[in-house]
Protein backbone atom coordinates (compact mmCIF):
# COMPACT_ATOMS: atom_id res chain seq x y z
CA MET A 1 -16.08 -66.33 -27.19
CA ASN A 2 -19.05 -64.05 -26.83
CA CYS A 3 -20.31 -63.78 -30.31
CA PRO A 4 -24.12 -64.03 -30.87
CA ASP A 5 -23.41 -65.80 -34.19
CA VAL A 6 -21.84 -68.90 -32.41
CA GLU A 7 -24.33 -71.42 -31.25
CA LEU A 8 -24.00 -73.33 -27.92
CA LYS A 9 -22.64 -76.51 -29.19
CA PRO A 10 -19.86 -74.98 -31.35
CA LYS A 11 -19.01 -72.77 -28.33
CA ALA A 12 -18.77 -75.68 -26.04
CA VAL A 13 -16.43 -77.43 -28.39
CA ALA A 14 -14.31 -74.24 -28.86
CA ILE A 15 -14.10 -73.87 -25.09
CA MET A 16 -12.92 -77.51 -24.70
CA VAL A 17 -10.21 -76.93 -27.34
CA SER A 18 -9.26 -73.65 -25.63
CA ARG A 19 -8.46 -75.59 -22.35
CA PHE A 20 -5.54 -77.32 -24.21
CA ALA A 21 -4.06 -74.15 -25.76
CA ASP A 22 -1.14 -72.26 -24.48
CA PHE A 23 -2.63 -69.45 -22.35
CA GLU A 24 -0.25 -66.81 -23.55
CA THR A 25 -0.43 -67.67 -27.21
CA GLY A 26 -3.66 -69.46 -27.96
CA ARG A 27 -1.53 -72.04 -29.87
CA ASN A 28 -0.47 -75.68 -29.48
CA ALA A 29 -4.04 -77.15 -28.82
CA HIS A 30 -4.05 -80.77 -29.82
CA PRO A 31 -6.67 -82.77 -27.97
CA SER A 32 -8.16 -85.78 -29.62
CA GLN A 33 -11.60 -85.59 -31.01
CA ALA A 34 -12.55 -88.46 -28.63
CA LYS A 35 -11.33 -86.39 -25.63
CA ILE A 36 -13.40 -83.30 -26.73
CA ALA A 37 -16.30 -85.63 -27.38
CA ALA A 38 -16.15 -87.03 -23.89
CA MET A 39 -15.67 -83.49 -22.31
CA CYS A 40 -18.72 -82.21 -24.19
CA GLY A 41 -20.89 -85.26 -23.39
CA TYR A 42 -21.11 -86.77 -26.74
CA SER A 43 -20.90 -90.60 -27.31
CA LYS A 44 -19.33 -90.27 -30.79
CA THR A 45 -16.74 -88.13 -32.43
CA GLU A 46 -18.80 -87.39 -35.53
CA PRO A 47 -20.44 -84.26 -34.02
CA VAL A 48 -17.10 -82.88 -32.85
CA SER A 49 -15.65 -83.47 -36.29
CA ASN A 50 -18.29 -81.50 -37.98
CA ILE A 51 -18.20 -78.74 -35.24
CA LEU A 52 -14.56 -78.42 -35.50
CA SER A 53 -14.80 -78.02 -39.36
CA SER A 54 -17.41 -75.35 -38.98
CA LEU A 55 -15.22 -73.50 -36.33
CA ARG A 56 -12.40 -73.62 -38.82
CA ASP A 57 -14.52 -72.46 -41.60
CA ASP A 58 -15.89 -69.57 -39.54
CA GLY A 59 -12.48 -68.48 -38.51
CA TRP A 60 -12.50 -69.36 -34.79
CA LEU A 61 -9.86 -72.06 -35.16
CA TYR A 62 -6.80 -72.48 -37.34
CA ARG A 63 -5.41 -75.92 -37.99
CA ASP A 64 -1.75 -75.51 -37.42
CA GLY A 65 -0.24 -79.05 -38.27
CA LYS A 66 -0.19 -81.96 -36.14
CA GLY A 67 0.58 -82.49 -32.42
CA PRO A 68 3.15 -85.01 -31.15
CA THR A 69 2.95 -88.50 -32.40
CA LEU A 70 0.96 -90.85 -30.07
CA PRO A 71 1.78 -94.40 -29.19
CA ASN A 72 -0.55 -95.52 -31.87
CA GLY A 73 1.52 -93.82 -34.42
CA ARG A 74 -1.15 -91.22 -35.15
CA ALA A 75 -1.07 -87.50 -34.22
CA ASN A 76 -3.96 -85.31 -33.44
CA ASP A 77 -4.54 -82.02 -35.30
CA ARG A 78 -2.97 -78.94 -33.67
CA TYR A 79 -5.18 -75.90 -33.52
CA ARG A 80 -4.50 -72.22 -32.75
CA LEU A 81 -7.39 -70.06 -31.39
CA THR A 82 -8.34 -67.11 -33.55
CA VAL A 83 -11.01 -64.42 -33.65
CA PRO A 84 -12.61 -63.87 -37.00
CA ASP A 85 -13.70 -60.45 -38.31
CA CYS A 86 -17.42 -61.10 -38.24
CA GLY A 87 -18.84 -57.66 -37.95
CA HIS A 88 -19.40 -57.67 -34.14
CA GLU A 89 -17.39 -55.53 -31.64
CA HIS A 90 -15.30 -58.39 -30.11
CA ASP A 91 -13.26 -56.45 -27.64
CA GLY A 92 -10.76 -59.24 -27.13
CA SER A 93 -11.13 -59.02 -23.27
CA ALA A 94 -10.92 -62.74 -22.91
CA LEU A 95 -7.85 -63.19 -25.07
CA PRO A 96 -4.16 -63.35 -24.30
CA ASP A 97 -2.45 -60.23 -25.29
CA VAL A 98 -0.69 -61.84 -28.16
CA LEU A 99 -3.92 -62.40 -29.95
CA LYS A 100 -5.22 -58.96 -29.40
């Protein structure tokens, strides 16, 4: 994610989400917002929720359903990593072949 339009905090959240995605496809990332918040140093999930929403709106993430059901009966959102057409020359060098 080397786009000058993406600020540091959204970039950090996107990188944390990417750590949970399947390497070959960029799919199946379903970390909890609490997990992402902890990994990014946030004490609350609200900033993460807002950042995930902006990353979806800007085309960097696609909400692809829900992950597995957790013991508490809930399921985290499942994401697919995407690269938007934002006018910059994204060469895709950091992406799996399937996403290029």
